[in-house]
């Protein structure tokens, strides 16, 4: 007898299996793409909220911080945003360490914080208040259920952002490290009186700086000086940044400093200025080694202005006068007026 070899329908079975597998693969691809799209909607929302919230950290007022984070709720368009708005439960205060590029969460305590973390997530890895992630429906992946593999019909999409705030130099002055003096027994620099922008070039230990604008000029220095009144001239620079230097003699800009010191009735206000190396060559770029707090004081020529009889007795050597304290940390300088916010990576959350 001849064996029966009826193979009719074999191709149909094969094609059916291939179609099912292809549908699952296409479904996984579509769902993955959809989840990526959902994340791309939520990430800008928490980025903007974190940056806005961090800009109010220096006020020490949690209400201001939270209100700025909530300000975008009416225009956010991430998944289910009208019913899952950003609020106080989405905010965690953090303390950023610039030397190690890490931050420590402080929960709902703003004291000592220099940044905020804003998130839409299931669980806060820093122990903060639980909030709600974006819940995205899955459309085709549940086909796994046909094969007896339990598959959820939706997936949680979590996003987070951390923004830190630092003070920005708000006077176009850079001083040499020699003016810092020595550290005390506590390892901190002591406050000393300093004369900046000396008219006598032989005592030149400071100069104008235009930060990232080369080369320095009277117009640029003046614009930065006036910009300091409303922080429009504040530069986001840090240690290691090469700042443009100009000759330290006060020339015709000297009197403008008193206008700045007095224009906002800022008697008692302090400023953040960069510190460069001792003996630097002016009229070129020099690396920032640190920052100092400069607090103008009453001088012989006005508020923040001083003068002494020149060596030839034919005029006066003029300067900006005030108290200087080196070792200022831009991330911990609430006394400064001008601030900039920056996003940092939330490595623990994988963001």
Protein backbone atom coordinates (compact mmCIF):
# COMPACT_ATOMS: atom_id res chain seq x y z
CA UNK A 1 0.00 0.00 0.00
CA UNK A 2 1.14 3.52 -0.70
CA UNK A 3 1.24 5.85 2.33
CA UNK A 4 -1.28 8.63 2.36
CA UNK A 5 0.55 11.95 2.03
CA UNK A 6 -2.12 14.59 1.97
CA UNK A 7 -0.40 17.94 2.79
CA UNK A 8 -3.27 20.13 1.82
CA UNK A 9 -3.72 22.99 4.36
CA UNK A 10 -0.16 22.83 5.74
CA UNK A 11 0.70 26.19 4.27
CA UNK A 12 -2.45 27.68 5.75
CA UNK A 13 -1.41 26.57 9.24
CA UNK A 14 2.06 27.99 8.73
CA UNK A 15 0.74 31.28 7.38
CA UNK A 16 -1.73 31.54 10.28
CA UNK A 17 1.04 31.09 12.82
CA UNK A 18 3.21 33.62 11.02
CA UNK A 19 0.36 36.14 10.93
CA UNK A 20 -0.20 35.77 14.67
CA UNK A 21 3.52 36.17 15.39
CA UNK A 22 3.75 39.16 13.07
CA UNK A 23 0.73 40.76 14.76
CA UNK A 24 2.36 40.32 18.15
CA UNK A 25 5.63 41.80 16.87
CA UNK A 26 3.83 44.70 15.24
CA UNK A 27 1.77 45.15 18.39
CA UNK A 28 4.85 45.28 20.58
CA UNK A 29 6.41 47.81 18.23
CA UNK A 30 3.32 49.98 18.13
CA UNK A 31 2.84 49.86 21.90
CA UNK A 32 6.52 50.64 22.50
CA UNK A 33 6.28 53.59 20.14
CA UNK A 34 3.11 54.78 21.85
CA UNK A 35 4.70 54.56 25.30
CA UNK A 36 7.70 56.51 24.00
CA UNK A 37 5.33 59.15 22.68
CA UNK A 38 3.54 59.35 26.05
CA UNK A 39 6.89 59.82 27.78
CA UNK A 40 7.86 62.53 25.30
CA UNK A 41 4.72 64.43 26.28
CA UNK A 42 5.29 64.13 30.02
CA UNK A 43 9.03 64.85 30.14
CA UNK A 44 8.84 68.48 28.96
CA UNK A 45 6.07 69.09 31.49
CA UNK A 46 8.15 67.99 34.49
CA UNK A 47 11.25 69.71 33.03
CA UNK A 48 9.42 73.04 32.84
CA UNK A 49 7.83 72.58 36.27
CA UNK A 50 11.19 71.74 37.88
CA UNK A 51 12.95 74.73 36.32
CA UNK A 52 10.16 77.09 37.35
CA UNK A 53 10.00 75.68 40.88
CA UNK A 54 13.78 75.84 41.35
CA UNK A 55 13.76 79.53 40.44
CA UNK A 56 11.89 80.20 43.70
CA UNK A 57 14.11 78.10 45.98
CA UNK A 58 16.11 81.12 47.14
CA UNK A 59 12.91 82.69 48.54
CA UNK A 60 12.64 79.91 51.12
CA UNK A 61 8.88 79.95 50.53
CA UNK A 62 7.39 76.53 49.68
CA UNK A 63 4.19 78.18 48.47
CA UNK A 64 6.07 80.13 45.82
CA UNK A 65 7.97 77.02 44.76
CA UNK A 66 4.81 74.96 44.43
CA UNK A 67 2.85 77.71 42.68
CA UNK A 68 5.55 78.05 40.04
CA UNK A 69 5.52 74.30 39.47
CA UNK A 70 1.74 74.37 39.10
CA UNK A 71 1.77 77.34 36.73
CA UNK A 72 1.86 75.14 33.62
CA UNK A 73 -1.02 72.85 34.59
CA UNK A 74 -3.53 74.76 32.46
CA UNK A 75 -1.41 74.33 29.32
CA UNK A 76 0.10 70.86 29.88
CA UNK A 77 -1.04 68.28 27.32
CA UNK A 78 0.43 65.02 28.55
CA UNK A 79 -1.83 61.99 28.93
CA UNK A 80 -4.79 62.69 31.22
CA UNK A 81 -3.14 65.94 32.36
CA UNK A 82 -6.45 67.57 33.41
CA UNK A 83 -6.97 64.79 35.98
CA UNK A 84 -3.33 64.25 36.93
CA UNK A 85 -1.97 67.71 37.55
CA UNK A 86 1.40 68.60 39.08
CA UNK A 87 1.12 69.70 42.71
CA UNK A 88 2.93 69.58 46.03
CA UNK A 89 2.85 65.76 46.04
CA UNK A 90 4.94 65.75 42.88
CA UNK A 91 7.72 67.91 44.39
CA UNK A 92 10.74 66.71 46.36
CA UNK A 93 13.33 69.22 47.61
CA UNK A 94 16.97 68.30 47.00
CA UNK A 95 20.42 69.50 47.97
CA UNK A 96 22.86 69.41 45.07
CA UNK A 97 26.59 68.84 45.62
CA UNK A 98 28.43 70.48 42.73
CA UNK A 99 31.79 68.83 43.53
CA UNK A 100 30.39 65.28 43.28
CA UNK A 101 27.57 66.06 40.85
CA UNK A 102 25.09 64.30 43.14
CA UNK A 103 22.09 65.40 45.13
CA UNK A 104 20.37 64.33 48.32
CA UNK A 105 16.61 64.43 48.63
CA UNK A 106 15.17 66.35 51.56
CA UNK A 107 11.50 65.44 51.16
CA UNK A 108 9.23 68.41 51.77
CA UNK A 109 11.87 70.44 53.66
CA UNK A 110 13.03 73.51 51.75
CA UNK A 111 15.62 74.62 54.32
CA UNK A 112 19.05 73.77 52.94
CA UNK A 113 17.66 72.81 49.53
CA UNK A 114 19.06 74.25 46.33
CA UNK A 115 16.89 72.39 43.88
CA UNK A 116 13.68 70.46 43.33
CA UNK A 117 12.67 67.16 41.79
CA UNK A 118 9.31 67.05 40.01
CA UNK A 119 7.89 63.68 38.96
CA UNK A 120 4.88 61.78 37.71
CA UNK A 121 5.56 58.29 39.01
CA UNK A 122 4.30 55.26 40.89
CA UNK A 123 6.98 55.25 43.58
CA UNK A 124 9.41 57.97 44.57
CA UNK A 125 12.87 56.33 44.92
CA UNK A 126 13.84 59.14 47.30
CA UNK A 127 11.07 58.43 49.77
CA UNK A 128 8.86 61.34 48.88
CA UNK A 129 5.08 61.45 48.78
CA UNK A 130 3.62 58.92 46.28
CA UNK A 131 1.92 60.49 43.26
CA UNK A 132 0.31 59.31 40.05
CA UNK A 133 2.15 58.31 36.86
CA UNK A 134 0.69 58.55 33.37
CA UNK A 135 -1.33 55.40 32.67
CA UNK A 136 -1.17 54.52 29.00
CA UNK A 137 -3.48 51.93 27.42
CA UNK A 138 -1.85 49.03 25.55
CA UNK A 139 -3.57 48.26 22.27
CA UNK A 140 -2.04 45.14 20.70
CA UNK A 141 0.35 43.65 23.24
CA UNK A 142 -2.61 42.01 25.08
CA UNK A 143 -2.66 39.55 22.17
CA UNK A 144 -0.31 37.58 24.43
CA UNK A 145 -3.45 36.65 26.33
CA UNK A 146 -4.40 34.45 23.37
CA UNK A 147 -1.45 32.25 24.26
CA UNK A 148 -2.30 32.15 27.94
CA UNK A 149 0.31 34.74 28.89
CA UNK A 150 -1.31 37.27 31.25
CA UNK A 151 -0.70 40.76 29.89
CA UNK A 152 -1.84 44.06 31.38
CA UNK A 153 -4.08 46.27 29.29
CA UNK A 154 -2.23 49.41 30.36
CA UNK A 155 1.24 50.49 31.46
CA UNK A 156 2.46 53.17 33.85
CA UNK A 157 4.81 55.73 32.34
CA UNK A 158 6.93 57.62 34.88
CA UNK A 159 8.89 60.79 34.22
CA UNK A 160 10.98 62.97 36.50
CA UNK A 161 13.24 66.01 36.34
CA UNK A 162 15.64 67.66 38.77
CA UNK A 163 16.47 71.35 38.51
CA UNK A 164 18.99 73.15 40.68
CA UNK A 165 19.45 76.86 41.21
CA UNK A 166 22.72 78.70 41.60
CA UNK A 167 23.59 82.33 42.05
CA UNK A 168 25.12 84.12 39.08
CA UNK A 169 27.82 86.81 39.22
CA UNK A 170 26.01 90.13 39.01
CA UNK A 171 28.93 92.58 38.94
CA UNK A 172 31.37 92.67 36.00
CA UNK A 173 34.36 92.45 38.35
CA UNK A 174 36.89 89.62 38.77
CA UNK A 175 39.35 89.67 41.66
CA UNK A 176 42.65 87.89 42.09
CA UNK A 177 43.02 85.13 44.64
CA UNK A 178 45.62 87.11 46.56
CA UNK A 179 42.80 89.30 47.92
CA UNK A 180 41.23 86.27 49.61
CA UNK A 181 43.74 86.25 52.41
CA UNK A 182 44.14 83.08 54.43
CA UNK A 183 41.70 80.59 55.87
CA UNK A 184 40.84 80.57 59.55
CA UNK A 185 41.01 77.66 61.98
CA UNK A 186 37.61 76.51 60.72
CA UNK A 187 38.97 76.16 57.19
CA UNK A 188 36.90 79.09 55.93
CA UNK A 189 38.10 82.37 54.49
CA UNK A 190 37.68 85.34 56.78
CA UNK A 191 35.96 88.55 55.75
CA UNK A 192 38.43 91.27 54.80
CA UNK A 193 38.18 94.76 53.40
CA UNK A 194 39.22 94.98 49.77
CA UNK A 195 39.81 97.72 47.24
CA UNK A 196 38.73 96.64 43.76
CA UNK A 197 39.39 98.24 40.37
CA UNK A 198 42.30 100.30 41.67
CA UNK A 199 43.10 103.43 39.70
CA UNK A 200 46.73 102.83 40.62
CA UNK A 201 47.90 100.11 38.24
CA UNK A 202 50.71 99.08 40.56
CA UNK A 203 48.08 97.82 43.03
CA UNK A 204 45.97 96.12 40.37
CA UNK A 205 44.59 92.92 41.85
CA UNK A 206 41.21 92.97 40.15
CA UNK A 207 39.70 93.96 36.85
CA UNK A 208 36.62 94.14 34.74
CA UNK A 209 35.19 90.94 33.30
CA UNK A 210 32.66 90.42 30.56
CA UNK A 211 32.49 86.68 31.24
CA UNK A 212 31.90 85.01 27.85
CA UNK A 213 31.95 88.22 25.74
CA UNK A 214 35.36 88.86 24.12
CA UNK A 215 37.03 91.27 24.15
CA UNK A 216 36.12 93.49 27.06
CA UNK A 217 35.13 97.06 26.29
CA UNK A 218 33.68 100.01 28.15
CA UNK A 219 30.28 99.51 26.47
CA UNK A 220 30.11 95.81 27.37
CA UNK A 221 31.17 96.42 30.97
CA UNK A 222 28.62 99.22 31.32
CA UNK A 223 25.82 97.07 29.88
CA UNK A 224 26.63 94.22 32.26
CA UNK A 225 26.82 96.62 35.18
CA UNK A 226 23.41 98.11 34.40
CA UNK A 227 22.04 94.66 33.62
CA UNK A 228 22.88 93.62 37.15
CA UNK A 229 20.02 95.81 38.38
CA UNK A 230 17.47 93.39 36.92
CA UNK A 231 19.79 90.40 36.49
CA UNK A 232 19.68 90.64 32.70
CA UNK A 233 23.46 90.73 32.77
CA UNK A 234 23.90 87.70 35.03
CA UNK A 235 26.15 85.02 33.54
CA UNK A 236 25.84 81.30 34.20
CA UNK A 237 29.52 80.60 34.77
CA UNK A 238 31.27 78.19 37.09
CA UNK A 239 34.67 77.10 38.33
CA UNK A 240 36.95 76.35 35.40
CA UNK A 241 35.06 78.69 33.10
CA UNK A 242 37.39 81.03 31.22
CA UNK A 243 36.23 84.58 31.85
CA UNK A 244 37.29 87.55 29.74
CA UNK A 245 39.30 90.14 31.70
CA UNK A 246 39.88 93.83 31.11
CA UNK A 247 42.15 96.42 32.63
CA UNK A 248 41.24 97.09 36.25
CA UNK A 249 41.58 100.85 36.19
CA UNK A 250 38.19 102.44 36.83
CA UNK A 251 38.32 105.09 34.09
CA UNK A 252 34.95 106.64 33.25
CA UNK A 253 32.82 103.78 34.62
CA UNK A 254 33.84 104.46 38.22
CA UNK A 255 30.85 106.65 39.13
CA UNK A 256 28.40 104.24 37.51
CA UNK A 257 29.03 101.72 40.29
CA UNK A 258 27.53 104.02 42.90
CA UNK A 259 24.48 104.43 40.68
CA UNK A 260 24.08 100.66 40.69
CA UNK A 261 24.72 100.31 44.42
CA UNK A 262 22.14 103.00 45.24
CA UNK A 263 19.64 102.67 42.37
CA UNK A 264 17.79 99.81 44.01
CA UNK A 265 18.41 101.08 47.53
CA UNK A 266 20.65 98.09 47.97
CA UNK A 267 22.66 99.31 50.94
CA UNK A 268 23.69 96.14 52.70
CA UNK A 269 23.26 94.00 49.59
CA UNK A 270 26.09 91.64 48.64
CA UNK A 271 27.24 90.49 45.21
CA UNK A 272 28.79 87.33 43.82
CA UNK A 273 32.01 87.86 41.85
CA UNK A 274 34.49 85.40 40.29
CA UNK A 275 37.99 84.80 41.63
CA UNK A 276 40.89 84.28 39.22
CA UNK A 277 44.55 83.43 39.73
CA UNK A 278 47.07 85.77 41.32
CA UNK A 279 49.14 87.69 38.81
CA UNK A 280 46.91 87.02 35.81
CA UNK A 281 47.42 89.02 32.65
CA UNK A 282 44.50 91.31 31.98
CA UNK A 283 42.98 91.85 28.54
CA UNK A 284 42.69 88.11 28.01
CA UNK A 285 40.71 85.09 29.20
CA UNK A 286 41.52 83.52 32.58
CA UNK A 287 39.98 80.52 34.35
CA UNK A 288 37.68 81.05 37.32
CA UNK A 289 39.14 79.41 40.43
CA UNK A 290 36.25 80.18 42.78
CA UNK A 291 33.79 82.84 43.87
CA UNK A 292 33.64 85.50 46.53
CA UNK A 293 30.97 87.49 48.31
CA UNK A 294 31.48 91.22 47.86
CA UNK A 295 29.53 93.61 50.09
CA UNK A 296 30.04 97.33 49.25
CA UNK A 297 30.50 99.69 52.17
CA UNK A 298 30.60 103.43 52.72
CA UNK A 299 33.80 104.89 51.34
CA UNK A 300 35.36 108.33 51.20
CA UNK A 301 33.80 108.97 47.81
CA UNK A 302 30.29 107.53 48.27
CA UNK A 303 28.58 104.22 48.84
CA UNK A 304 30.96 101.53 47.64
CA UNK A 305 33.44 104.12 46.38
CA UNK A 306 36.76 105.08 47.95
CA UNK A 307 39.66 107.35 47.18
CA UNK A 308 43.10 108.11 48.55
CA UNK A 309 45.54 110.87 47.63
CA UNK A 310 47.78 109.77 44.78
CA UNK A 311 51.52 109.46 45.31
CA UNK A 312 52.23 112.63 43.34
CA UNK A 313 49.63 114.57 45.36
CA UNK A 314 48.06 115.75 42.11
CA UNK A 315 44.88 113.73 42.34
CA UNK A 316 43.24 110.68 43.86
CA UNK A 317 43.52 106.95 43.40
CA UNK A 318 39.93 105.73 43.25
CA UNK A 319 38.51 102.25 43.80
CA UNK A 320 35.45 100.18 44.65
CA UNK A 321 35.50 99.35 48.35
CA UNK A 322 33.77 96.68 50.38
CA UNK A 323 34.13 93.49 52.38
CA UNK A 324 35.17 90.33 50.56
CA UNK A 325 34.69 86.75 51.70
CA UNK A 326 36.13 84.09 49.41
CA UNK A 327 34.94 80.51 49.15
CA UNK A 328 31.36 81.45 48.26
CA UNK A 329 29.31 78.56 46.88
CA UNK A 330 27.00 79.69 44.05
CA UNK A 331 24.65 76.84 44.96
CA UNK A 332 24.34 78.11 48.53
CA UNK A 333 24.23 81.87 48.19
CA UNK A 334 20.67 83.01 48.93
CA UNK A 335 22.01 86.50 49.67
CA UNK A 336 22.78 87.00 45.99
CA UNK A 337 20.09 88.59 43.86
CA UNK A 338 20.61 86.95 40.47
CA UNK A 339 20.00 83.24 39.97
CA UNK A 340 20.00 80.75 37.12
CA UNK A 341 18.37 77.32 37.01
CA UNK A 342 19.76 74.20 35.37
CA UNK A 343 18.50 70.66 34.85
CA UNK A 344 20.70 67.85 36.22
CA UNK A 345 20.40 64.15 35.52
CA UNK A 346 18.26 62.08 37.87
CA UNK A 347 20.45 58.99 37.59
CA UNK A 348 18.64 57.08 40.33
CA UNK A 349 15.40 57.29 38.36
CA UNK A 350 17.16 56.67 35.05
CA UNK A 351 16.16 60.08 33.75
